[in-house]
Amino acid sequence: MLDRALSSTERRGRPRGRLGAYVALTKPRVMELLLLTTAPTMVLAQGGLPSLGSVGATLVGGAASAGSAAVFNMYLDRDMDALMSRTSGRPIVTGEIAPRSALIFAWSLAVFATTWFATLVNVLAAALSAGAILWYVVVYTIVLKRRTTQNIVWGGLAGSFPVLIAWASATGTLAWPAVLLFVVVFLWTPAHYWPLSIRYGDDYRRAKVPMLGAVRSPDRVAASVLWYAVVTTVCALGLIPLAQMGIVYSAIASLGGAWFVWHAARYLRAVRSAMPENARPMSVFMASNVYLALVFIAVAVDTVIA
């Protein structure tokens, strides 16, 4: 998911070839979020199954857009990536890809994505794609990431853009259900990422990146994660009246949300217990992934059934 841990191949630094190194630059794991949110949103926007061509065009453009943002991020963060064990195997750090080559690749993907959307989808989708790249690169990577503990909160907006792009691709416009799903992903991101920042707190402290999990007490971080989990769940339930969702979505969003909140609450209790070292932040991280997948799958299934 959003900026999640690298694959085992990247961590171990195994040879991957020139093509594999360029693919690794795009953070292919991030594509999971793109695929997870794009197709269900398009189903909801059209009130049924969209054409495969429409979905395919949106996914190709979205993948190029997300890949461009990721490459820009690796280019700009190559100094801190070299200091963190989690990112020390990235292609620019290892020398597999020269910084200048990575920068050219990032700009190429950005131009391709914008042109692709404008030509084969629509201008609104192209504008949103360009906006997502700018937000992730300028607002998150350049302005916020090294300066504030709120970096992932506002930087996470970039990960919400695929929802708007998907809706715009399907309809040529935006609507309130798309905005609500955008907010759901936005609120979900801190609850998803902060447990990961606890797990890799030593890395972030070494690189002097003020991720909340690296610079605040586990108790405070766990409480913040629980708060965001609760608000995310409540916000997702708001789609029921707004988009007239049926029993499938209502049940899954309710039960899945309760399960997600339970994981966050259990983590907070563990942190505040007599043995806080037994708290498992990655269990909340994994629960957040499952929850978001359930919500968006439910969006698609409920719409098709209706």
C-alpha atoms as a PDB file:
ATOM      1  CA  MET A   1       0.000   0.000   0.000  1.00  0.00           C
ATOM      2  CA  LEU A   2       0.777   3.733   0.394  1.00  0.00           C
ATOM      3  CA  ASP A   3       4.654   3.955   0.678  1.00  0.00           C
ATOM      4  CA  ARG A   4       4.716   0.598   2.418  1.00  0.00           C
ATOM      5  CA  ALA A   5       7.744  -1.533   3.204  1.00  0.00           C
ATOM      6  CA  LEU A   6       9.858  -2.710   0.319  1.00  0.00           C
ATOM      7  CA  SER A   7       9.701  -6.171  -1.122  1.00  0.00           C
ATOM      8  CA  SER A   8      12.134  -8.786   0.106  1.00  0.00           C
ATOM      9  CA  THR A   9      14.093  -8.500  -3.154  1.00  0.00           C
ATOM     10  CA  GLU A  10      14.729  -4.799  -2.574  1.00  0.00           C
ATOM     11  CA  ARG A  11      15.643  -5.276   1.075  1.00  0.00           C
ATOM     12  CA  ARG A  12      18.166  -7.988   0.352  1.00  0.00           C
ATOM     13  CA  GLY A  13      19.670  -6.134  -2.593  1.00  0.00           C
ATOM     14  CA  ARG A  14      19.475  -9.101  -4.958  1.00  0.00           C
ATOM     15  CA  PRO A  15      20.365  -8.460  -8.600  1.00  0.00           C
ATOM     16  CA  ARG A  16      17.229  -7.539 -10.522  1.00  0.00           C
ATOM     17  CA  GLY A  17      18.462  -6.321 -13.896  1.00  0.00           C
ATOM     18  CA  ARG A  18      18.061  -2.938 -15.501  1.00  0.00           C
ATOM     19  CA  LEU A  19      14.345  -3.301 -16.168  1.00  0.00           C
ATOM     20  CA  GLY A  20      13.693  -4.604 -12.671  1.00  0.00           C
ATOM     21  CA  ALA A  21      15.529  -1.612 -11.204  1.00  0.00           C
ATOM     22  CA  TYR A  22      13.338   0.833 -13.129  1.00  0.00           C
ATOM     23  CA  VAL A  23      10.224  -1.043 -12.038  1.00  0.00           C
ATOM     24  CA  ALA A  24      11.405  -0.880  -8.425  1.00  0.00           C
ATOM     25  CA  LEU A  25      11.725   2.903  -8.761  1.00  0.00           C
ATOM     26  CA  THR A  26       7.965   3.152  -9.303  1.00  0.00           C
ATOM     27  CA  LYS A  27       7.169   1.476  -5.948  1.00  0.00           C
ATOM     28  CA  PRO A  28       4.983  -1.229  -7.537  1.00  0.00           C
ATOM     29  CA  ARG A  29       3.458  -2.086  -4.160  1.00  0.00           C
ATOM     30  CA  VAL A  30       1.734   1.317  -4.265  1.00  0.00           C
ATOM     31  CA  MET A  31      -0.118   0.080  -7.367  1.00  0.00           C
ATOM     32  CA  GLU A  32      -2.159  -2.143  -5.071  1.00  0.00           C
ATOM     33  CA  LEU A  33      -3.897   0.934  -3.679  1.00  0.00           C
ATOM     34  CA  LEU A  34      -4.477   2.213  -7.206  1.00  0.00           C
ATOM     35  CA  LEU A  35      -6.083  -1.028  -8.344  1.00  0.00           C
ATOM     36  CA  LEU A  36      -7.996  -1.426  -5.092  1.00  0.00           C
ATOM     37  CA  THR A  37      -9.691   1.967  -5.265  1.00  0.00           C
ATOM     38  CA  THR A  38      -9.957   2.654  -8.987  1.00  0.00           C
ATOM     39  CA  ALA A  39     -12.128  -0.146 -10.349  1.00  0.00           C
ATOM     40  CA  PRO A  40     -14.729  -0.159  -7.516  1.00  0.00           C
ATOM     41  CA  THR A  41     -15.051   3.616  -7.707  1.00  0.00           C
ATOM     42  CA  MET A  42     -15.701   3.401 -11.442  1.00  0.00           C
ATOM     43  CA  VAL A  43     -18.353   0.742 -10.806  1.00  0.00           C
ATOM     44  CA  LEU A  44     -20.108   3.026  -8.322  1.00  0.00           C
ATOM     45  CA  ALA A  45     -19.813   6.045 -10.611  1.00  0.00           C
ATOM     46  CA  GLN A  46     -21.497   4.232 -13.500  1.00  0.00           C
ATOM     47  CA  GLY A  47     -23.976   2.302 -11.386  1.00  0.00           C
ATOM     48  CA  GLY A  48     -22.723  -0.973 -12.830  1.00  0.00           C
ATOM     49  CA  LEU A  49     -19.808  -2.573 -14.602  1.00  0.00           C
ATOM     50  CA  PRO A  50     -17.810  -0.112 -16.740  1.00  0.00           C
ATOM     51  CA  SER A  51     -16.202  -1.239 -19.984  1.00  0.00           C
ATOM     52  CA  LEU A  52     -12.890  -3.056 -19.703  1.00  0.00           C
ATOM     53  CA  GLY A  53     -11.375  -0.497 -22.051  1.00  0.00           C
ATOM     54  CA  SER A  54     -12.349   2.357 -19.761  1.00  0.00           C
ATOM     55  CA  VAL A  55     -10.993   0.615 -16.674  1.00  0.00           C
ATOM     56  CA  GLY A  56      -7.824  -0.404 -18.485  1.00  0.00           C
ATOM     57  CA  ALA A  57      -7.147   3.113 -19.755  1.00  0.00           C
ATOM     58  CA  THR A  58      -7.646   4.532 -16.277  1.00  0.00           C
ATOM     59  CA  LEU A  59      -5.386   1.948 -14.666  1.00  0.00           C
ATOM     60  CA  VAL A  60      -2.600   2.492 -17.199  1.00  0.00           C
ATOM     61  CA  GLY A  61      -2.708   6.250 -16.754  1.00  0.00           C
ATOM     62  CA  GLY A  62      -2.998   5.921 -12.994  1.00  0.00           C
ATOM     63  CA  ALA A  63      -0.067   3.524 -12.816  1.00  0.00           C
ATOM     64  CA  ALA A  64       2.110   5.932 -14.804  1.00  0.00           C
ATOM     65  CA  SER A  65       1.014   8.847 -12.612  1.00  0.00           C
ATOM     66  CA  ALA A  66       1.669   7.007  -9.343  1.00  0.00           C
ATOM     67  CA  GLY A  67       4.942   5.664 -10.719  1.00  0.00           C
ATOM     68  CA  SER A  68       6.098   9.151 -11.665  1.00  0.00           C
ATOM     69  CA  ALA A  69       5.411  10.467  -8.162  1.00  0.00           C
ATOM     70  CA  ALA A  70       7.285   7.513  -6.650  1.00  0.00           C
ATOM     71  CA  VAL A  71      10.360   8.031  -8.844  1.00  0.00           C
ATOM     72  CA  PHE A  72      10.455  11.750  -8.052  1.00  0.00           C
ATOM     73  CA  ASN A  73      10.219  10.794  -4.380  1.00  0.00           C
ATOM     74  CA  MET A  74      13.136   8.365  -4.599  1.00  0.00           C
ATOM     75  CA  TYR A  75      15.201  10.927  -6.489  1.00  0.00           C
ATOM     76  CA  LEU A  76      14.604  13.647  -3.895  1.00  0.00           C
ATOM     77  CA  ASP A  77      14.952  11.336  -0.875  1.00  0.00           C
ATOM     78  CA  ARG A  78      18.023   9.424  -2.015  1.00  0.00           C
ATOM     79  CA  ASP A  79      20.142  10.950   0.758  1.00  0.00           C
ATOM     80  CA  MET A  80      17.851   9.781   3.555  1.00  0.00           C
ATOM     81  CA  ASP A  81      17.140   6.462   1.828  1.00  0.00           C
ATOM     82  CA  ALA A  82      20.842   5.654   2.105  1.00  0.00           C
ATOM     83  CA  LEU A  83      20.619   6.041   5.890  1.00  0.00           C
ATOM     84  CA  MET A  84      17.644   3.740   6.441  1.00  0.00           C
ATOM     85  CA  SER A  85      17.888  -0.035   6.327  1.00  0.00           C
ATOM     86  CA  ARG A  86      14.345  -0.273   4.926  1.00  0.00           C
ATOM     87  CA  THR A  87      15.257   1.809   1.888  1.00  0.00           C
ATOM     88  CA  SER A  88      18.973   1.215   1.468  1.00  0.00           C
ATOM     89  CA  GLY A  89      18.314  -1.241  -1.342  1.00  0.00           C
ATOM     90  CA  ARG A  90      16.508   1.229  -3.568  1.00  0.00           C
ATOM     91  CA  PRO A  91      17.990   1.490  -7.094  1.00  0.00           C
ATOM     92  CA  ILE A  92      19.364   5.040  -6.842  1.00  0.00           C
ATOM     93  CA  VAL A  93      21.029   4.296  -3.498  1.00  0.00           C
ATOM     94  CA  THR A  94      22.643   1.099  -4.774  1.00  0.00           C
ATOM     95  CA  GLY A  95      23.845   2.807  -7.941  1.00  0.00           C
ATOM     96  CA  GLU A  96      21.787   0.610 -10.274  1.00  0.00           C
ATOM     97  CA  ILE A  97      20.111   3.738 -11.630  1.00  0.00           C
ATOM     98  CA  ALA A  98      21.889   7.097 -11.868  1.00  0.00           C
ATOM     99  CA  PRO A  99      20.038  10.037 -10.295  1.00  0.00           C
ATOM    100  CA  ARG A 100      19.855  11.868 -13.620  1.00  0.00           C
ATOM    101  CA  SER A 101      18.400   8.809 -15.344  1.00  0.00           C
ATOM    102  CA  ALA A 102      15.808   8.476 -12.587  1.00  0.00           C
ATOM    103  CA  LEU A 103      14.824  12.126 -12.953  1.00  0.00           C
ATOM    104  CA  ILE A 104      14.372  11.738 -16.701  1.00  0.00           C
ATOM    105  CA  PHE A 105      12.280   8.621 -16.072  1.00  0.00           C
ATOM    106  CA  ALA A 106      10.095  10.484 -13.566  1.00  0.00           C
ATOM    107  CA  TRP A 107       9.402  13.341 -15.961  1.00  0.00           C
ATOM    108  CA  SER A 108       8.734  10.895 -18.806  1.00  0.00           C
ATOM    109  CA  LEU A 109       6.128   9.041 -16.764  1.00  0.00           C
ATOM    110  CA  ALA A 110       4.485  12.325 -15.714  1.00  0.00           C
ATOM    111  CA  VAL A 111       4.221  13.554 -19.298  1.00  0.00           C
ATOM    112  CA  PHE A 112       2.977  10.174 -20.471  1.00  0.00           C
ATOM    113  CA  ALA A 113       0.311   9.955 -17.759  1.00  0.00           C
ATOM    114  CA  THR A 114      -0.999  13.460 -18.393  1.00  0.00           C
ATOM    115  CA  THR A 115      -1.045  12.999 -22.153  1.00  0.00           C
ATOM    116  CA  TRP A 116      -2.624   9.550 -21.867  1.00  0.00           C
ATOM    117  CA  PHE A 117      -5.464  10.791 -19.682  1.00  0.00           C
ATOM    118  CA  ALA A 118      -6.064  13.906 -21.782  1.00  0.00           C
ATOM    119  CA  THR A 119      -6.108  11.925 -25.036  1.00  0.00           C
ATOM    120  CA  LEU A 120      -7.805   8.634 -24.137  1.00  0.00           C
ATOM    121  CA  VAL A 121      -9.866   9.526 -21.049  1.00  0.00           C
ATOM    122  CA  ASN A 122     -10.689  13.183 -20.415  1.00  0.00           C
ATOM    123  CA  VAL A 123      -9.117  16.488 -19.431  1.00  0.00           C
ATOM    124  CA  LEU A 124     -10.461  16.405 -15.862  1.00  0.00           C
ATOM    125  CA  ALA A 125      -8.764  13.075 -15.190  1.00  0.00           C
ATOM    126  CA  ALA A 126      -5.548  14.456 -16.695  1.00  0.00           C
ATOM    127  CA  ALA A 127      -5.685  17.523 -14.439  1.00  0.00           C
ATOM    128  CA  LEU A 128      -6.317  15.408 -11.344  1.00  0.00           C
ATOM    129  CA  SER A 129      -3.429  13.113 -12.264  1.00  0.00           C
ATOM    130  CA  ALA A 130      -1.066  16.073 -12.629  1.00  0.00           C
ATOM    131  CA  GLY A 131      -2.355  17.472  -9.336  1.00  0.00           C
ATOM    132  CA  ALA A 132      -1.671  14.196  -7.544  1.00  0.00           C
ATOM    133  CA  ILE A 133       1.924  14.154  -8.778  1.00  0.00           C
ATOM    134  CA  LEU A 134       2.500  17.767  -7.761  1.00  0.00           C
ATOM    135  CA  TRP A 135       0.986  17.224  -4.317  1.00  0.00           C
ATOM    136  CA  TYR A 136       3.064  14.136  -3.552  1.00  0.00           C
ATOM    137  CA  VAL A 137       6.313  15.571  -4.874  1.00  0.00           C
ATOM    138  CA  VAL A 138       6.112  19.215  -3.829  1.00  0.00           C
ATOM    139  CA  VAL A 139       3.789  19.332  -0.798  1.00  0.00           C
ATOM    140  CA  TYR A 140       4.703  15.987   0.777  1.00  0.00           C
ATOM    141  CA  THR A 141       8.263  15.154  -0.295  1.00  0.00           C
ATOM    142  CA  ILE A 142       9.789  18.629  -0.519  1.00  0.00           C
ATOM    143  CA  VAL A 143       7.798  20.722   1.965  1.00  0.00           C
ATOM    144  CA  LEU A 144       6.362  18.466   4.679  1.00  0.00           C
ATOM    145  CA  LYS A 145       8.235  15.196   5.011  1.00  0.00           C
ATOM    146  CA  ARG A 146      11.376  16.522   6.701  1.00  0.00           C
ATOM    147  CA  ARG A 147       9.695  19.300   8.665  1.00  0.00           C
ATOM    148  CA  THR A 148       6.593  18.124  10.527  1.00  0.00           C
ATOM    149  CA  THR A 149       4.996  15.134  12.199  1.00  0.00           C
ATOM    150  CA  GLN A 150       1.890  15.918  10.145  1.00  0.00           C
ATOM    151  CA  ASN A 151       3.761  14.974   6.976  1.00  0.00           C
ATOM    152  CA  ILE A 152       1.881  11.750   6.282  1.00  0.00           C
ATOM    153  CA  VAL A 153      -1.487  13.292   7.187  1.00  0.00           C
ATOM    154  CA  TRP A 154      -1.460  15.930   4.473  1.00  0.00           C
ATOM    155  CA  GLY A 155       0.943  14.128   2.198  1.00  0.00           C
ATOM    156  CA  GLY A 156      -1.482  11.224   2.236  1.00  0.00           C
ATOM    157  CA  LEU A 157      -3.915  13.277   0.171  1.00  0.00           C
ATOM    158  CA  ALA A 158      -1.944  12.187  -2.870  1.00  0.00           C
ATOM    159  CA  GLY A 159      -2.942   8.585  -2.217  1.00  0.00           C
ATOM    160  CA  SER A 160      -6.590   9.648  -2.255  1.00  0.00           C
ATOM    161  CA  PHE A 161      -6.475  11.118  -5.752  1.00  0.00           C
ATOM    162  CA  PRO A 162      -7.010   7.790  -7.589  1.00  0.00           C
ATOM    163  CA  VAL A 163     -10.602   7.826  -6.298  1.00  0.00           C
ATOM    164  CA  LEU A 164     -11.277  11.210  -7.892  1.00  0.00           C
ATOM    165  CA  ILE A 165      -9.446  10.220 -11.061  1.00  0.00           C
ATOM    166  CA  ALA A 166     -11.512   7.040 -11.321  1.00  0.00           C
ATOM    167  CA  TRP A 167     -14.800   8.900 -10.903  1.00  0.00           C
ATOM    168  CA  ALA A 168     -13.750  11.550 -13.412  1.00  0.00           C
ATOM    169  CA  SER A 169     -12.695   8.850 -15.862  1.00  0.00           C
ATOM    170  CA  ALA A 170     -16.071   7.149 -15.611  1.00  0.00           C
ATOM    171  CA  THR A 171     -18.292  10.231 -15.727  1.00  0.00           C
ATOM    172  CA  GLY A 172     -16.253  13.243 -16.828  1.00  0.00           C
ATOM    173  CA  THR A 173     -17.322  15.023 -13.625  1.00  0.00           C
ATOM    174  CA  LEU A 174     -17.014  14.738  -9.840  1.00  0.00           C
ATOM    175  CA  ALA A 175     -19.767  14.029  -7.308  1.00  0.00           C
ATOM    176  CA  TRP A 176     -20.178  13.856  -3.545  1.00  0.00           C
ATOM    177  CA  PRO A 177     -19.758  10.058  -3.272  1.00  0.00           C
ATOM    178  CA  ALA A 178     -16.344  10.455  -4.906  1.00  0.00           C
ATOM    179  CA  VAL A 179     -15.438  13.215  -2.463  1.00  0.00           C
ATOM    180  CA  LEU A 180     -16.493  11.050   0.474  1.00  0.00           C
ATOM    181  CA  LEU A 181     -14.403   8.097  -0.714  1.00  0.00           C
ATOM    182  CA  PHE A 182     -11.519  10.523  -1.200  1.00  0.00           C
ATOM    183  CA  VAL A 183     -11.892  11.568   2.454  1.00  0.00           C
ATOM    184  CA  VAL A 184     -12.082   7.926   3.574  1.00  0.00           C
ATOM    185  CA  VAL A 185      -8.691   7.159   2.018  1.00  0.00           C
ATOM    186  CA  PHE A 186      -7.289  10.428   3.373  1.00  0.00           C
ATOM    187  CA  LEU A 187      -8.344   9.609   6.955  1.00  0.00           C
ATOM    188  CA  TRP A 188      -7.289   5.976   6.618  1.00  0.00           C
ATOM    189  CA  THR A 189      -3.713   6.839   5.643  1.00  0.00           C
ATOM    190  CA  PRO A 190      -2.392   7.960   9.074  1.00  0.00           C
ATOM    191  CA  ALA A 191      -3.983   4.976  10.825  1.00  0.00           C
ATOM    192  CA  HIS A 192      -2.357   2.791   8.180  1.00  0.00           C
ATOM    193  CA  TYR A 193       1.094   4.359   8.124  1.00  0.00           C
ATOM    194  CA  TRP A 194       1.838   5.411  11.694  1.00  0.00           C
ATOM    195  CA  PRO A 195       2.106   1.811  12.965  1.00  0.00           C
ATOM    196  CA  LEU A 196       4.652   1.242  10.218  1.00  0.00           C
ATOM    197  CA  SER A 197       6.556   4.332  11.348  1.00  0.00           C
ATOM    198  CA  ILE A 198       6.774   2.797  14.835  1.00  0.00           C
ATOM    199  CA  ARG A 199       8.147  -0.427  13.390  1.00  0.00           C
ATOM    200  CA  TYR A 200      10.835   1.509  11.501  1.00  0.00           C
ATOM    201  CA  GLY A 201      11.291   4.266  14.068  1.00  0.00           C
ATOM    202  CA  ASP A 202      15.053   3.746  14.316  1.00  0.00           C
ATOM    203  CA  ASP A 203      15.374   4.277  10.570  1.00  0.00           C
ATOM    204  CA  TYR A 204      13.456   7.530  10.637  1.00  0.00           C
ATOM    205  CA  ARG A 205      15.378   8.820  13.647  1.00  0.00           C
ATOM    206  CA  ARG A 206      18.647   8.003  11.930  1.00  0.00           C
ATOM    207  CA  ALA A 207      17.564   9.937   8.845  1.00  0.00           C
ATOM    208  CA  LYS A 208      16.073  12.753  10.961  1.00  0.00           C
ATOM    209  CA  VAL A 209      12.610  12.347   9.445  1.00  0.00           C
ATOM    210  CA  PRO A 210       9.934  13.392  11.988  1.00  0.00           C
ATOM    211  CA  MET A 211       7.457  10.599  11.351  1.00  0.00           C
ATOM    212  CA  LEU A 212       5.073  10.492  14.293  1.00  0.00           C
ATOM    213  CA  GLY A 213       6.022   6.948  15.281  1.00  0.00           C
ATOM    214  CA  ALA A 214       9.671   7.928  15.467  1.00  0.00           C
ATOM    215  CA  VAL A 215       9.417  11.108  17.521  1.00  0.00           C
ATOM    216  CA  ARG A 216       6.392  10.650  19.792  1.00  0.00           C
ATOM    217  CA  SER A 217       5.675   8.167  22.570  1.00  0.00           C
ATOM    218  CA  PRO A 218       4.037   4.866  21.570  1.00  0.00           C
ATOM    219  CA  ASP A 219       1.072   5.779  23.761  1.00  0.00           C
ATOM    220  CA  ARG A 220       0.424   9.008  21.880  1.00  0.00           C
ATOM    221  CA  VAL A 221       0.877   7.344  18.500  1.00  0.00           C
ATOM    222  CA  ALA A 222      -1.453   4.474  19.405  1.00  0.00           C
ATOM    223  CA  ALA A 223      -4.113   6.916  20.595  1.00  0.00           C
ATOM    224  CA  SER A 224      -3.835   8.864  17.338  1.00  0.00           C
ATOM    225  CA  VAL A 225      -4.114   5.664  15.312  1.00  0.00           C
ATOM    226  CA  LEU A 226      -7.271   4.691  17.190  1.00  0.00           C
ATOM    227  CA  TRP A 227      -8.800   8.133  16.641  1.00  0.00           C
ATOM    228  CA  TYR A 228      -8.167   8.001  12.897  1.00  0.00           C
ATOM    229  CA  ALA A 229      -9.478   4.431  12.705  1.00  0.00           C
ATOM    230  CA  VAL A 230     -12.737   5.496  14.346  1.00  0.00           C
ATOM    231  CA  VAL A 231     -13.173   8.572  12.151  1.00  0.00           C
ATOM    232  CA  THR A 232     -12.366   6.571   9.015  1.00  0.00           C
ATOM    233  CA  THR A 233     -14.991   3.989   9.892  1.00  0.00           C
ATOM    234  CA  VAL A 234     -17.648   6.611  10.587  1.00  0.00           C
ATOM    235  CA  CYS A 235     -16.842   8.412   7.359  1.00  0.00           C
ATOM    236  CA  ALA A 236     -17.092   5.190   5.334  1.00  0.00           C
ATOM    237  CA  LEU A 237     -20.532   4.557   6.815  1.00  0.00           C
ATOM    238  CA  GLY A 238     -21.591   7.950   5.492  1.00  0.00           C
ATOM    239  CA  LEU A 239     -21.588   6.463   2.014  1.00  0.00           C
ATOM    240  CA  ILE A 240     -24.679   4.426   2.910  1.00  0.00           C
ATOM    241  CA  PRO A 241     -27.138   7.352   2.816  1.00  0.00           C
ATOM    242  CA  LEU A 242     -25.116   9.451   0.385  1.00  0.00           C
ATOM    243  CA  ALA A 243     -24.881   6.820  -2.369  1.00  0.00           C
ATOM    244  CA  GLN A 244     -27.868   4.716  -1.257  1.00  0.00           C
ATOM    245  CA  MET A 245     -25.710   1.672  -0.608  1.00  0.00           C
ATOM    246  CA  GLY A 246     -27.407  -1.630   0.163  1.00  0.00           C
ATOM    247  CA  ILE A 247     -27.086  -4.380   2.718  1.00  0.00           C
ATOM    248  CA  VAL A 248     -23.794  -5.781   1.387  1.00  0.00           C
ATOM    249  CA  TYR A 249     -21.882  -2.544   1.762  1.00  0.00           C
ATOM    250  CA  SER A 250     -23.652  -1.629   4.997  1.00  0.00           C
ATOM    251  CA  ALA A 251     -22.760  -4.932   6.648  1.00  0.00           C
ATOM    252  CA  ILE A 252     -19.170  -5.084   5.451  1.00  0.00           C
ATOM    253  CA  ALA A 253     -18.402  -1.434   6.197  1.00  0.00           C
ATOM    254  CA  SER A 254     -19.903  -1.791   9.687  1.00  0.00           C
ATOM    255  CA  LEU A 255     -18.318  -5.108  10.641  1.00  0.00           C
ATOM    256  CA  GLY A 256     -15.030  -4.360   8.910  1.00  0.00           C
ATOM    257  CA  GLY A 257     -14.860  -0.971  10.593  1.00  0.00           C
ATOM    258  CA  ALA A 258     -15.551  -2.462  13.995  1.00  0.00           C
ATOM    259  CA  TRP A 259     -12.805  -5.026  13.395  1.00  0.00           C
ATOM    260  CA  PHE A 260     -10.332  -2.317  12.329  1.00  0.00           C
ATOM    261  CA  VAL A 261     -11.153  -0.176  15.366  1.00  0.00           C
ATOM    262  CA  TRP A 262     -10.820  -3.233  17.623  1.00  0.00           C
ATOM    263  CA  HIS A 263      -7.298  -3.858  16.331  1.00  0.00           C
ATOM    264  CA  ALA A 264      -6.359  -0.220  16.966  1.00  0.00           C
ATOM    265  CA  ALA A 265      -7.904  -0.301  20.451  1.00  0.00           C
ATOM    266  CA  ARG A 266      -6.152  -3.563  21.275  1.00  0.00           C
ATOM    267  CA  TYR A 267      -2.843  -2.032  20.242  1.00  0.00           C
ATOM    268  CA  LEU A 268      -3.461   1.000  22.464  1.00  0.00           C
ATOM    269  CA  ARG A 269      -4.285  -1.274  25.415  1.00  0.00           C
ATOM    270  CA  ALA A 270      -1.120  -3.276  24.805  1.00  0.00           C
ATOM    271  CA  VAL A 271       0.994  -0.112  24.714  1.00  0.00           C
ATOM    272  CA  ARG A 272      -0.501   1.009  28.032  1.00  0.00           C
ATOM    273  CA  SER A 273      -0.154  -2.418  29.667  1.00  0.00           C
ATOM    274  CA  ALA A 274       2.517  -3.621  32.040  1.00  0.00           C
ATOM    275  CA  MET A 275       4.435  -5.112  29.089  1.00  0.00           C
ATOM    276  CA  PRO A 276       4.263  -2.541  26.264  1.00  0.00           C
ATOM    277  CA  GLU A 277       7.134  -4.258  24.467  1.00  0.00           C
ATOM    278  CA  ASN A 278       4.646  -6.968  23.465  1.00  0.00           C
ATOM    279  CA  ALA A 279       2.496  -4.494  21.517  1.00  0.00           C
ATOM    280  CA  ARG A 280       2.412  -5.302  17.811  1.00  0.00           C
ATOM    281  CA  PRO A 281       2.041  -2.212  15.608  1.00  0.00           C
ATOM    282  CA  MET A 282       2.232  -4.244  12.408  1.00  0.00           C
ATOM    283  CA  SER A 283      -0.997  -6.031  13.315  1.00  0.00           C
ATOM    284  CA  VAL A 284      -2.782  -2.683  13.004  1.00  0.00           C
ATOM    285  CA  PHE A 285      -0.947  -2.012   9.748  1.00  0.00           C
ATOM    286  CA  MET A 286      -2.168  -5.306   8.290  1.00  0.00           C
ATOM    287  CA  ALA A 287      -5.692  -4.774   9.635  1.00  0.00           C
ATOM    288  CA  SER A 288      -5.827  -1.394   7.925  1.00  0.00           C
ATOM    289  CA  ASN A 289      -4.966  -3.002   4.594  1.00  0.00           C
ATOM    290  CA  VAL A 290      -7.675  -5.609   4.960  1.00  0.00           C
ATOM    291  CA  TYR A 291     -10.248  -3.029   6.047  1.00  0.00           C
ATOM    292  CA  LEU A 292      -9.704  -0.736   3.057  1.00  0.00           C
ATOM    293  CA  ALA A 293      -9.824  -3.702   0.680  1.00  0.00           C
ATOM    294  CA  LEU A 294     -13.113  -4.868   2.196  1.00  0.00           C
ATOM    295  CA  VAL A 295     -14.694  -1.415   1.931  1.00  0.00           C
ATOM    296  CA  PHE A 296     -13.892  -0.934  -1.741  1.00  0.00           C
ATOM    297  CA  ILE A 297     -14.748  -4.511  -2.716  1.00  0.00           C
ATOM    298  CA  ALA A 298     -18.056  -3.993  -0.948  1.00  0.00           C
ATOM    299  CA  VAL A 299     -18.626  -0.804  -2.970  1.00  0.00           C
ATOM    300  CA  ALA A 300     -18.295  -2.739  -6.203  1.00  0.00           C
ATOM    301  CA  VAL A 301     -20.259  -5.825  -5.141  1.00  0.00           C
ATOM    302  CA  ASP A 302     -23.110  -3.846  -3.635  1.00  0.00           C
ATOM    303  CA  THR A 303     -23.421  -1.666  -6.745  1.00  0.00           C
ATOM    304  CA  VAL A 304     -23.419  -4.611  -9.142  1.00  0.00           C
ATOM    305  CA  ILE A 305     -26.021  -6.485  -7.069  1.00  0.00           C
ATOM    306  CA  ALA A 306     -28.230  -3.407  -6.892  1.00  0.00           C
END
